[in-house]
Amino acid sequence: KFVAGLTDAELRGVVLHENYHKLYRHLRTWEHLWKEDAALANMAMDY
């Protein structure tokens, strides 16, 4: 449903967003921040 509600340009933006998480190895590099405060870690990566 999330994908269905996106324009093609927005879907490309979301795909890029997820792949930058991969490129920067965010879920490995910043695991210690997630353990300290999950919400703030998520927000910081997205910014």
ModelCIF file with pLDDT and N, C-alpha, C, O atoms, coordinates in Angstrom:
data_MODEL
#
_entry.id   MODEL 
#
_entity.id                         1 
_entity.type                       polymer 
_entity.pdbx_number_of_molecules   1 
#
_entity_poly.entity_id                      1 
_entity_poly.type                           'polypeptide(L)' 
_entity_poly.nstd_linkage                   no 
_entity_poly.nstd_monomer                   no 
_entity_poly.pdbx_seq_one_letter_code       KFVAGLTDAELRGVVLHENYHKLYRHLRTWEHLWKEDAALANMAMDY 
_entity_poly.pdbx_seq_one_letter_code_can   KFVAGLTDAELRGVVLHENYHKLYRHLRTWEHLWKEDAALANMAMDY 
_entity_poly.pdbx_strand_id                 A 
#
loop_
_entity_poly_seq.entity_id 
_entity_poly_seq.num 
_entity_poly_seq.mon_id 
_entity_poly_seq.hetero 
1 1  LYS n 
1 2  PHE n 
1 3  VAL n 
1 4  ALA n 
1 5  GLY n 
1 6  LEU n 
1 7  THR n 
1 8  ASP n 
1 9  ALA n 
1 10 GLU n 
1 11 LEU n 
1 12 ARG n 
1 13 GLY n 
1 14 VAL n 
1 15 VAL n 
1 16 LEU n 
1 17 HIS n 
1 18 GLU n 
1 19 ASN n 
1 20 TYR n 
1 21 HIS n 
1 22 LYS n 
1 23 LEU n 
1 24 TYR n 
1 25 ARG n 
1 26 HIS n 
1 27 LEU n 
1 28 ARG n 
1 29 THR n 
1 30 TRP n 
1 31 GLU n 
1 32 HIS n 
1 33 LEU n 
1 34 TRP n 
1 35 LYS n 
1 36 GLU n 
1 37 ASP n 
1 38 ALA n 
1 39 ALA n 
1 40 LEU n 
1 41 ALA n 
1 42 ASN n 
1 43 MET n 
1 44 ALA n 
1 45 MET n 
1 46 ASP n 
1 47 TYR n 
#
_struct_asym.id          A 
_struct_asym.entity_id   1 
#
loop_
_ma_qa_metric.id 
_ma_qa_metric.mode 
_ma_qa_metric.name 
_ma_qa_metric.software_group_id 
_ma_qa_metric.type 
1 global pLDDT . pLDDT 
2 local  pLDDT . pLDDT 
#
_ma_qa_metric_global.metric_id      1 
_ma_qa_metric_global.metric_value   93.98 
_ma_qa_metric_global.model_id       1 
_ma_qa_metric_global.ordinal_id     1 
#
loop_
_ma_qa_metric_local.label_asym_id 
_ma_qa_metric_local.label_comp_id 
_ma_qa_metric_local.label_seq_id 
_ma_qa_metric_local.metric_id 
_ma_qa_metric_local.metric_value 
_ma_qa_metric_local.model_id 
_ma_qa_metric_local.ordinal_id 
A LYS 1  2 96.00 1 1  
A PHE 2  2 96.00 1 2  
A VAL 3  2 97.00 1 3  
A ALA 4  2 96.00 1 4  
A GLY 5  2 96.00 1 5  
A LEU 6  2 97.00 1 6  
A THR 7  2 97.00 1 7  
A ASP 8  2 97.00 1 8  
A ALA 9  2 98.00 1 9  
A GLU 10 2 98.00 1 10 
A LEU 11 2 98.00 1 11 
A ARG 12 2 98.00 1 12 
A GLY 13 2 97.00 1 13 
A VAL 14 2 97.00 1 14 
A VAL 15 2 97.00 1 15 
A LEU 16 2 97.00 1 16 
A HIS 17 2 96.00 1 17 
A GLU 18 2 96.00 1 18 
A ASN 19 2 96.00 1 19 
A TYR 20 2 95.00 1 20 
A HIS 21 2 94.00 1 21 
A LYS 22 2 94.00 1 22 
A LEU 23 2 93.00 1 23 
A TYR 24 2 92.00 1 24 
A ARG 25 2 91.00 1 25 
A HIS 26 2 90.00 1 26 
A LEU 27 2 86.00 1 27 
A ARG 28 2 86.00 1 28 
A THR 29 2 88.00 1 29 
A TRP 30 2 90.00 1 30 
A GLU 31 2 90.00 1 31 
A HIS 32 2 92.00 1 32 
A LEU 33 2 94.00 1 33 
A TRP 34 2 90.00 1 34 
A LYS 35 2 91.00 1 35 
A GLU 36 2 94.00 1 36 
A ASP 37 2 93.00 1 37 
A ALA 38 2 89.00 1 38 
A ALA 39 2 91.00 1 39 
A LEU 40 2 94.00 1 40 
A ALA 41 2 93.00 1 41 
A ASN 42 2 92.00 1 42 
A MET 43 2 94.00 1 43 
A ALA 44 2 96.00 1 44 
A MET 45 2 94.00 1 45 
A ASP 46 2 95.00 1 46 
A TYR 47 2 96.00 1 47 
#
loop_
_atom_site.group_PDB 
_atom_site.id 
_atom_site.type_symbol 
_atom_site.label_atom_id 
_atom_site.label_alt_id 
_atom_site.label_comp_id 
_atom_site.label_asym_id 
_atom_site.label_entity_id 
_atom_site.label_seq_id 
_atom_site.pdbx_PDB_ins_code 
_atom_site.Cartn_x 
_atom_site.Cartn_y 
_atom_site.Cartn_z 
_atom_site.occupancy 
_atom_site.B_iso_or_equiv 
_atom_site.pdbx_formal_charge 
_atom_site.auth_seq_id 
_atom_site.auth_comp_id 
_atom_site.auth_asym_id 
_atom_site.auth_atom_id 
_atom_site.pdbx_PDB_model_num 
ATOM 1   N N  . LYS A 1 1  ? 0.829  -1.213 0.000  1.00 96.00 ? 1  LYS A N  1 
ATOM 2   C CA . LYS A 1 1  ? 0.000  0.000  0.000  1.00 96.00 ? 1  LYS A CA 1 
ATOM 3   C C  . LYS A 1 1  ? 0.858  1.256  0.000  1.00 96.00 ? 1  LYS A C  1 
ATOM 4   O O  . LYS A 1 1  ? 0.490  2.272  -0.589 1.00 96.00 ? 1  LYS A O  1 
ATOM 5   N N  . PHE A 1 2  ? 2.012  1.177  0.669  1.00 96.00 ? 2  PHE A N  1 
ATOM 6   C CA . PHE A 1 2  ? 2.931  2.316  0.686  1.00 96.00 ? 2  PHE A CA 1 
ATOM 7   C C  . PHE A 1 2  ? 3.402  2.627  -0.732 1.00 96.00 ? 2  PHE A C  1 
ATOM 8   O O  . PHE A 1 2  ? 3.363  3.780  -1.162 1.00 96.00 ? 2  PHE A O  1 
ATOM 9   N N  . VAL A 1 3  ? 3.844  1.604  -1.456 1.00 97.00 ? 3  VAL A N  1 
ATOM 10  C CA . VAL A 1 3  ? 4.299  1.790  -2.831 1.00 97.00 ? 3  VAL A CA 1 
ATOM 11  C C  . VAL A 1 3  ? 3.164  2.300  -3.719 1.00 97.00 ? 3  VAL A C  1 
ATOM 12  O O  . VAL A 1 3  ? 3.373  3.165  -4.569 1.00 97.00 ? 3  VAL A O  1 
ATOM 13  N N  . ALA A 1 4  ? 1.965  1.759  -3.514 1.00 96.00 ? 4  ALA A N  1 
ATOM 14  C CA . ALA A 1 4  ? 0.812  2.158  -4.333 1.00 96.00 ? 4  ALA A CA 1 
ATOM 15  C C  . ALA A 1 4  ? 0.502  3.641  -4.177 1.00 96.00 ? 4  ALA A C  1 
ATOM 16  O O  . ALA A 1 4  ? -0.032 4.264  -5.095 1.00 96.00 ? 4  ALA A O  1 
ATOM 17  N N  . GLY A 1 5  ? 0.833  4.210  -3.021 1.00 96.00 ? 5  GLY A N  1 
ATOM 18  C CA . GLY A 1 5  ? 0.543  5.611  -2.780 1.00 96.00 ? 5  GLY A CA 1 
ATOM 19  C C  . GLY A 1 5  ? 1.633  6.567  -3.213 1.00 96.00 ? 5  GLY A C  1 
ATOM 20  O O  . GLY A 1 5  ? 1.488  7.777  -3.040 1.00 96.00 ? 5  GLY A O  1 
ATOM 21  N N  . LEU A 1 6  ? 2.727  6.058  -3.774 1.00 97.00 ? 6  LEU A N  1 
ATOM 22  C CA . LEU A 1 6  ? 3.846  6.899  -4.198 1.00 97.00 ? 6  LEU A CA 1 
ATOM 23  C C  . LEU A 1 6  ? 3.799  7.185  -5.684 1.00 97.00 ? 6  LEU A C  1 
ATOM 24  O O  . LEU A 1 6  ? 3.359  6.345  -6.470 1.00 97.00 ? 6  LEU A O  1 
ATOM 25  N N  . THR A 1 7  ? 4.248  8.360  -6.070 1.00 97.00 ? 7  THR A N  1 
ATOM 26  C CA . THR A 1 7  ? 4.487  8.632  -7.480 1.00 97.00 ? 7  THR A CA 1 
ATOM 27  C C  . THR A 1 7  ? 5.745  7.877  -7.907 1.00 97.00 ? 7  THR A C  1 
ATOM 28  O O  . THR A 1 7  ? 6.482  7.367  -7.062 1.00 97.00 ? 7  THR A O  1 
ATOM 29  N N  . ASP A 1 8  ? 5.989  7.807  -9.201 1.00 97.00 ? 8  ASP A N  1 
ATOM 30  C CA . ASP A 1 8  ? 7.205  7.126  -9.677 1.00 97.00 ? 8  ASP A CA 1 
ATOM 31  C C  . ASP A 1 8  ? 8.458  7.805  -9.137 1.00 97.00 ? 8  ASP A C  1 
ATOM 32  O O  . ASP A 1 8  ? 9.411  7.132  -8.747 1.00 97.00 ? 8  ASP A O  1 
ATOM 33  N N  . ALA A 1 9  ? 8.459  9.143  -9.112 1.00 98.00 ? 9  ALA A N  1 
ATOM 34  C CA . ALA A 1 9  ? 9.626  9.877  -8.600 1.00 98.00 ? 9  ALA A CA 1 
ATOM 35  C C  . ALA A 1 9  ? 9.817  9.626  -7.110 1.00 98.00 ? 9  ALA A C  1 
ATOM 36  O O  . ALA A 1 9  ? 10.949 9.499  -6.642 1.00 98.00 ? 9  ALA A O  1 
ATOM 37  N N  . GLU A 1 10 ? 8.719  9.555  -6.360 1.00 98.00 ? 10 GLU A N  1 
ATOM 38  C CA . GLU A 1 10 ? 8.824  9.260  -4.927 1.00 98.00 ? 10 GLU A CA 1 
ATOM 39  C C  . GLU A 1 10 ? 9.329  7.840  -4.698 1.00 98.00 ? 10 GLU A C  1 
ATOM 40  O O  . GLU A 1 10 ? 10.127 7.602  -3.791 1.00 98.00 ? 10 GLU A O  1 
ATOM 41  N N  . LEU A 1 11 ? 8.870  6.903  -5.510 1.00 98.00 ? 11 LEU A N  1 
ATOM 42  C CA . LEU A 1 11 ? 9.347  5.532  -5.363 1.00 98.00 ? 11 LEU A CA 1 
ATOM 43  C C  . LEU A 1 11 ? 10.844 5.451  -5.626 1.00 98.00 ? 11 LEU A C  1 
ATOM 44  O O  . LEU A 1 11 ? 11.564 4.741  -4.924 1.00 98.00 ? 11 LEU A O  1 
ATOM 45  N N  . ARG A 1 12 ? 11.311 6.177  -6.636 1.00 98.00 ? 12 ARG A N  1 
ATOM 46  C CA . ARG A 1 12 ? 12.764 6.216  -6.866 1.00 98.00 ? 12 ARG A CA 1 
ATOM 47  C C  . ARG A 1 12 ? 13.482 6.825  -5.670 1.00 98.00 ? 12 ARG A C  1 
ATOM 48  O O  . ARG A 1 12 ? 14.568 6.373  -5.306 1.00 98.00 ? 12 ARG A O  1 
ATOM 49  N N  . GLY A 1 13 ? 12.886 7.851  -5.052 1.00 97.00 ? 13 GLY A N  1 
ATOM 50  C CA . GLY A 1 13 ? 13.486 8.449  -3.867 1.00 97.00 ? 13 GLY A CA 1 
ATOM 51  C C  . GLY A 1 13 ? 13.579 7.470  -2.714 1.00 97.00 ? 13 GLY A C  1 
ATOM 52  O O  . GLY A 1 13 ? 14.580 7.449  -1.997 1.00 97.00 ? 13 GLY A O  1 
ATOM 53  N N  . VAL A 1 14 ? 12.542 6.655  -2.524 1.00 97.00 ? 14 VAL A N  1 
ATOM 54  C CA . VAL A 1 14 ? 12.548 5.667  -1.448 1.00 97.00 ? 14 VAL A CA 1 
ATOM 55  C C  . VAL A 1 14 ? 13.596 4.587  -1.714 1.00 97.00 ? 14 VAL A C  1 
ATOM 56  O O  . VAL A 1 14 ? 14.325 4.187  -0.806 1.00 97.00 ? 14 VAL A O  1 
ATOM 57  N N  . VAL A 1 15 ? 13.669 4.116  -2.965 1.00 97.00 ? 15 VAL A N  1 
ATOM 58  C CA . VAL A 1 15 ? 14.671 3.095  -3.314 1.00 97.00 ? 15 VAL A CA 1 
ATOM 59  C C  . VAL A 1 15 ? 16.085 3.642  -3.073 1.00 97.00 ? 15 VAL A C  1 
ATOM 60  O O  . VAL A 1 15 ? 16.938 2.941  -2.527 1.00 97.00 ? 15 VAL A O  1 
ATOM 61  N N  . LEU A 1 16 ? 16.326 4.870  -3.472 1.00 97.00 ? 16 LEU A N  1 
ATOM 62  C CA . LEU A 1 16 ? 17.630 5.484  -3.215 1.00 97.00 ? 16 LEU A CA 1 
ATOM 63  C C  . LEU A 1 16 ? 17.901 5.566  -1.718 1.00 97.00 ? 16 LEU A C  1 
ATOM 64  O O  . LEU A 1 16 ? 19.006 5.269  -1.265 1.00 97.00 ? 16 LEU A O  1 
ATOM 65  N N  . HIS A 1 17 ? 16.912 5.961  -0.967 1.00 96.00 ? 17 HIS A N  1 
ATOM 66  C CA . HIS A 1 17 ? 17.055 6.077  0.486  1.00 96.00 ? 17 HIS A CA 1 
ATOM 67  C C  . HIS A 1 17 ? 17.486 4.747  1.104  1.00 96.00 ? 17 HIS A C  1 
ATOM 68  O O  . HIS A 1 17 ? 18.428 4.707  1.895  1.00 96.00 ? 17 HIS A O  1 
ATOM 69  N N  . GLU A 1 18 ? 16.808 3.674  0.750  1.00 96.00 ? 18 GLU A N  1 
ATOM 70  C CA . GLU A 1 18 ? 17.153 2.364  1.313  1.00 96.00 ? 18 GLU A CA 1 
ATOM 71  C C  . GLU A 1 18 ? 18.553 1.927  0.894  1.00 96.00 ? 18 GLU A C  1 
ATOM 72  O O  . GLU A 1 18 ? 19.272 1.301  1.673  1.00 96.00 ? 18 GLU A O  1 
ATOM 73  N N  . ASN A 1 19 ? 18.934 2.254  -0.327 1.00 96.00 ? 19 ASN A N  1 
ATOM 74  C CA . ASN A 1 19 ? 20.247 1.822  -0.809 1.00 96.00 ? 19 ASN A CA 1 
ATOM 75  C C  . ASN A 1 19 ? 21.386 2.663  -0.251 1.00 96.00 ? 19 ASN A C  1 
ATOM 76  O O  . ASN A 1 19 ? 22.519 2.189  -0.171 1.00 96.00 ? 19 ASN A O  1 
ATOM 77  N N  . TYR A 1 20 ? 21.105 3.899  0.133  1.00 95.00 ? 20 TYR A N  1 
ATOM 78  C CA . TYR A 1 20 ? 22.130 4.659  0.841  1.00 95.00 ? 20 TYR A CA 1 
ATOM 79  C C  . TYR A 1 20 ? 22.341 4.095  2.245  1.00 95.00 ? 20 TYR A C  1 
ATOM 80  O O  . TYR A 1 20 ? 23.461 4.118  2.755  1.00 95.00 ? 20 TYR A O  1 
ATOM 81  N N  . HIS A 1 21 ? 21.274 3.587  2.877  1.00 94.00 ? 21 HIS A N  1 
ATOM 82  C CA . HIS A 1 21 ? 21.470 2.885  4.151  1.00 94.00 ? 21 HIS A CA 1 
ATOM 83  C C  . HIS A 1 21 ? 22.445 1.722  3.951  1.00 94.00 ? 21 HIS A C  1 
ATOM 84  O O  . HIS A 1 21 ? 23.319 1.480  4.782  1.00 94.00 ? 21 HIS A O  1 
ATOM 85  N N  . LYS A 1 22 ? 22.279 1.010  2.837  1.00 94.00 ? 22 LYS A N  1 
ATOM 86  C CA . LYS A 1 22 ? 23.155 -0.125 2.544  1.00 94.00 ? 22 LYS A CA 1 
ATOM 87  C C  . LYS A 1 22 ? 24.583 0.342  2.254  1.00 94.00 ? 22 LYS A C  1 
ATOM 88  O O  . LYS A 1 22 ? 25.546 -0.193 2.803  1.00 94.00 ? 22 LYS A O  1 
ATOM 89  N N  . LEU A 1 23 ? 24.703 1.337  1.391  1.00 93.00 ? 23 LEU A N  1 
ATOM 90  C CA . LEU A 1 23 ? 26.026 1.835  1.006  1.00 93.00 ? 23 LEU A CA 1 
ATOM 91  C C  . LEU A 1 23 ? 26.830 2.289  2.219  1.00 93.00 ? 23 LEU A C  1 
ATOM 92  O O  . LEU A 1 23 ? 28.018 1.989  2.335  1.00 93.00 ? 23 LEU A O  1 
ATOM 93  N N  . TYR A 1 24 ? 26.167 3.022  3.129  1.00 92.00 ? 24 TYR A N  1 
ATOM 94  C CA . TYR A 1 24 ? 26.855 3.550  4.298  1.00 92.00 ? 24 TYR A CA 1 
ATOM 95  C C  . TYR A 1 24 ? 26.950 2.532  5.439  1.00 92.00 ? 24 TYR A C  1 
ATOM 96  O O  . TYR A 1 24 ? 27.488 2.839  6.503  1.00 92.00 ? 24 TYR A O  1 
ATOM 97  N N  . ARG A 1 25 ? 26.429 1.329  5.217  1.00 91.00 ? 25 ARG A N  1 
ATOM 98  C CA . ARG A 1 25 ? 26.460 0.267  6.232  1.00 91.00 ? 25 ARG A CA 1 
ATOM 99  C C  . ARG A 1 25 ? 25.893 0.747  7.565  1.00 91.00 ? 25 ARG A C  1 
ATOM 100 O O  . ARG A 1 25 ? 26.420 0.447  8.637  1.00 91.00 ? 25 ARG A O  1 
ATOM 101 N N  . HIS A 1 26 ? 24.810 1.496  7.460  1.00 90.00 ? 26 HIS A N  1 
ATOM 102 C CA . HIS A 1 26 ? 24.253 2.134  8.640  1.00 90.00 ? 26 HIS A CA 1 
ATOM 103 C C  . HIS A 1 26 ? 23.876 1.161  9.747  1.00 90.00 ? 26 HIS A C  1 
ATOM 104 O O  . HIS A 1 26 ? 24.101 1.438  10.925 1.00 90.00 ? 26 HIS A O  1 
ATOM 105 N N  . LEU A 1 27 ? 23.305 0.025  9.372  1.00 86.00 ? 27 LEU A N  1 
ATOM 106 C CA . LEU A 1 27 ? 22.788 -0.875 10.398 1.00 86.00 ? 27 LEU A CA 1 
ATOM 107 C C  . LEU A 1 27 ? 23.884 -1.698 11.067 1.00 86.00 ? 27 LEU A C  1 
ATOM 108 O O  . LEU A 1 27 ? 23.616 -2.418 12.029 1.00 86.00 ? 27 LEU A O  1 
ATOM 109 N N  . ARG A 1 28 ? 25.090 -1.600 10.578 1.00 86.00 ? 28 ARG A N  1 
ATOM 110 C CA . ARG A 1 28 ? 26.251 -2.178 11.258 1.00 86.00 ? 28 ARG A CA 1 
ATOM 111 C C  . ARG A 1 28 ? 27.030 -1.084 11.983 1.00 86.00 ? 28 ARG A C  1 
ATOM 112 O O  . ARG A 1 28 ? 27.356 -1.215 13.163 1.00 86.00 ? 28 ARG A O  1 
ATOM 113 N N  . THR A 1 29 ? 27.321 -0.013 11.265 1.00 88.00 ? 29 THR A N  1 
ATOM 114 C CA . THR A 1 29 ? 28.167 1.048  11.798 1.00 88.00 ? 29 THR A CA 1 
ATOM 115 C C  . THR A 1 29 ? 27.559 1.696  13.041 1.00 88.00 ? 29 THR A C  1 
ATOM 116 O O  . THR A 1 29 ? 28.266 1.993  14.004 1.00 88.00 ? 29 THR A O  1 
ATOM 117 N N  . TRP A 1 30 ? 26.234 1.914  13.012 1.00 90.00 ? 30 TRP A N  1 
ATOM 118 C CA . TRP A 1 30 ? 25.607 2.678  14.079 1.00 90.00 ? 30 TRP A CA 1 
ATOM 119 C C  . TRP A 1 30 ? 24.747 1.824  15.010 1.00 90.00 ? 30 TRP A C  1 
ATOM 120 O O  . TRP A 1 30 ? 23.808 2.321  15.633 1.00 90.00 ? 30 TRP A O  1 
ATOM 121 N N  . GLU A 1 31 ? 25.075 0.546  15.096 1.00 90.00 ? 31 GLU A N  1 
ATOM 122 C CA . GLU A 1 31 ? 24.317 -0.340 15.980 1.00 90.00 ? 31 GLU A CA 1 
ATOM 123 C C  . GLU A 1 31 ? 24.382 0.134  17.437 1.00 90.00 ? 31 GLU A C  1 
ATOM 124 O O  . GLU A 1 31 ? 23.411 0.004  18.182 1.00 90.00 ? 31 GLU A O  1 
ATOM 125 N N  . HIS A 1 32 ? 25.533 0.685  17.833 1.00 92.00 ? 32 HIS A N  1 
ATOM 126 C CA . HIS A 1 32 ? 25.664 1.140  19.225 1.00 92.00 ? 32 HIS A CA 1 
ATOM 127 C C  . HIS A 1 32 ? 24.752 2.327  19.509 1.00 92.00 ? 32 HIS A C  1 
ATOM 128 O O  . HIS A 1 32 ? 24.277 2.489  20.633 1.00 92.00 ? 32 HIS A O  1 
ATOM 129 N N  . LEU A 1 33 ? 24.502 3.162  18.491 1.00 94.00 ? 33 LEU A N  1 
ATOM 130 C CA . LEU A 1 33 ? 23.574 4.273  18.686 1.00 94.00 ? 33 LEU A CA 1 
ATOM 131 C C  . LEU A 1 33 ? 22.144 3.761  18.798 1.00 94.00 ? 33 LEU A C  1 
ATOM 132 O O  . LEU A 1 33 ? 21.352 4.265  19.595 1.00 94.00 ? 33 LEU A O  1 
ATOM 133 N N  . TRP A 1 34 ? 21.823 2.752  17.990 1.00 90.00 ? 34 TRP A N  1 
ATOM 134 C CA . TRP A 1 34 ? 20.491 2.144  18.058 1.00 90.00 ? 34 TRP A CA 1 
ATOM 135 C C  . TRP A 1 34 ? 20.241 1.563  19.450 1.00 90.00 ? 34 TRP A C  1 
ATOM 136 O O  . TRP A 1 34 ? 19.146 1.698  19.996 1.00 90.00 ? 34 TRP A O  1 
ATOM 137 N N  . LYS A 1 35 ? 21.249 0.923  20.017 1.00 91.00 ? 35 LYS A N  1 
ATOM 138 C CA . LYS A 1 35 ? 21.088 0.337  21.343 1.00 91.00 ? 35 LYS A CA 1 
ATOM 139 C C  . LYS A 1 35 ? 20.929 1.418  22.410 1.00 91.00 ? 35 LYS A C  1 
ATOM 140 O O  . LYS A 1 35 ? 20.288 1.199  23.437 1.00 91.00 ? 35 LYS A O  1 
ATOM 141 N N  . GLU A 1 36 ? 21.517 2.585  22.155 1.00 94.00 ? 36 GLU A N  1 
ATOM 142 C CA . GLU A 1 36 ? 21.382 3.687  23.116 1.00 94.00 ? 36 GLU A CA 1 
ATOM 143 C C  . GLU A 1 36 ? 20.012 4.348  23.001 1.00 94.00 ? 36 GLU A C  1 
ATOM 144 O O  . GLU A 1 36 ? 19.356 4.599  24.013 1.00 94.00 ? 36 GLU A O  1 
ATOM 145 N N  . ASP A 1 37 ? 19.574 4.631  21.766 1.00 93.00 ? 37 ASP A N  1 
ATOM 146 C CA . ASP A 1 37 ? 18.267 5.266  21.550 1.00 93.00 ? 37 ASP A CA 1 
ATOM 147 C C  . ASP A 1 37 ? 17.848 5.004  20.108 1.00 93.00 ? 37 ASP A C  1 
ATOM 148 O O  . ASP A 1 37 ? 18.334 5.657  19.184 1.00 93.00 ? 37 ASP A O  1 
ATOM 149 N N  . ALA A 1 38 ? 16.952 4.055  19.925 1.00 89.00 ? 38 ALA A N  1 
ATOM 150 C CA . ALA A 1 38 ? 16.580 3.605  18.580 1.00 89.00 ? 38 ALA A CA 1 
ATOM 151 C C  . ALA A 1 38 ? 15.976 4.728  17.736 1.00 89.00 ? 38 ALA A C  1 
ATOM 152 O O  . ALA A 1 38 ? 16.332 4.890  16.569 1.00 89.00 ? 38 ALA A O  1 
ATOM 153 N N  . ALA A 1 39 ? 15.065 5.502  18.324 1.00 91.00 ? 39 ALA A N  1 
ATOM 154 C CA . ALA A 1 39 ? 14.385 6.544  17.559 1.00 91.00 ? 39 ALA A CA 1 
ATOM 155 C C  . ALA A 1 39 ? 15.363 7.608  17.069 1.00 91.00 ? 39 ALA A C  1 
ATOM 156 O O  . ALA A 1 39 ? 15.302 8.027  15.913 1.00 91.00 ? 39 ALA A O  1 
ATOM 157 N N  . LEU A 1 40 ? 16.263 8.042  17.948 1.00 94.00 ? 40 LEU A N  1 
ATOM 158 C CA . LEU A 1 40 ? 17.228 9.072  17.556 1.00 94.00 ? 40 LEU A CA 1 
ATOM 159 C C  . LEU A 1 40 ? 18.206 8.551  16.511 1.00 94.00 ? 40 LEU A C  1 
ATOM 160 O O  . LEU A 1 40 ? 18.592 9.286  15.602 1.00 94.00 ? 40 LEU A O  1 
ATOM 161 N N  . ALA A 1 41 ? 18.611 7.285  16.633 1.00 93.00 ? 41 ALA A N  1 
ATOM 162 C CA . ALA A 1 41 ? 19.503 6.698  15.632 1.00 93.00 ? 41 ALA A CA 1 
ATOM 163 C C  . ALA A 1 41 ? 18.824 6.657  14.269 1.00 93.00 ? 41 ALA A C  1 
ATOM 164 O O  . ALA A 1 41 ? 19.434 7.004  13.257 1.00 93.00 ? 41 ALA A O  1 
ATOM 165 N N  . ASN A 1 42 ? 17.572 6.238  14.240 1.00 92.00 ? 42 ASN A N  1 
ATOM 166 C CA . ASN A 1 42 ? 16.830 6.192  12.982 1.00 92.00 ? 42 ASN A CA 1 
ATOM 167 C C  . ASN A 1 42 ? 16.734 7.567  12.347 1.00 92.00 ? 42 ASN A C  1 
ATOM 168 O O  . ASN A 1 42 ? 16.960 7.724  11.148 1.00 92.00 ? 42 ASN A O  1 
ATOM 169 N N  . MET A 1 43 ? 16.403 8.551  13.147 1.00 94.00 ? 43 MET A N  1 
ATOM 170 C CA . MET A 1 43 ? 16.261 9.908  12.639 1.00 94.00 ? 43 MET A CA 1 
ATOM 171 C C  . MET A 1 43 ? 17.587 10.453 12.123 1.00 94.00 ? 43 MET A C  1 
ATOM 172 O O  . MET A 1 43 ? 17.643 11.058 11.053 1.00 94.00 ? 43 MET A O  1 
ATOM 173 N N  . ALA A 1 44 ? 18.652 10.236 12.888 1.00 96.00 ? 44 ALA A N  1 
ATOM 174 C CA . ALA A 1 44 ? 19.959 10.762 12.505 1.00 96.00 ? 44 ALA A CA 1 
ATOM 175 C C  . ALA A 1 44 ? 20.409 10.205 11.156 1.00 96.00 ? 44 ALA A C  1 
ATOM 176 O O  . ALA A 1 44 ? 20.898 10.950 10.307 1.00 96.00 ? 44 ALA A O  1 
ATOM 177 N N  . MET A 1 45 ? 20.243 8.896  10.961 1.00 94.00 ? 45 MET A N  1 
ATOM 178 C CA . MET A 1 45 ? 20.621 8.288  9.684  1.00 94.00 ? 45 MET A CA 1 
ATOM 179 C C  . MET A 1 45 ? 19.829 8.893  8.541  1.00 94.00 ? 45 MET A C  1 
ATOM 180 O O  . MET A 1 45 ? 20.376 9.166  7.472  1.00 94.00 ? 45 MET A O  1 
ATOM 181 N N  . ASP A 1 46 ? 18.525 9.104  8.770  1.00 95.00 ? 46 ASP A N  1 
ATOM 182 C CA . ASP A 1 46 ? 17.676 9.632  7.706  1.00 95.00 ? 46 ASP A CA 1 
ATOM 183 C C  . ASP A 1 46 ? 18.031 11.068 7.348  1.00 95.00 ? 46 ASP A C  1 
ATOM 184 O O  . ASP A 1 46 ? 18.030 11.435 6.173  1.00 95.00 ? 46 ASP A O  1 
ATOM 185 N N  . TYR A 1 47 ? 18.333 11.879 8.353  1.00 96.00 ? 47 TYR A N  1 
ATOM 186 C CA . TYR A 1 47 ? 18.735 13.263 8.057  1.00 96.00 ? 47 TYR A CA 1 
ATOM 187 C C  . TYR A 1 47 ? 19.968 13.294 7.148  1.00 96.00 ? 47 TYR A C  1 
ATOM 188 O O  . TYR A 1 47 ? 20.448 14.371 6.795  1.00 96.00 ? 47 TYR A O  1 
#
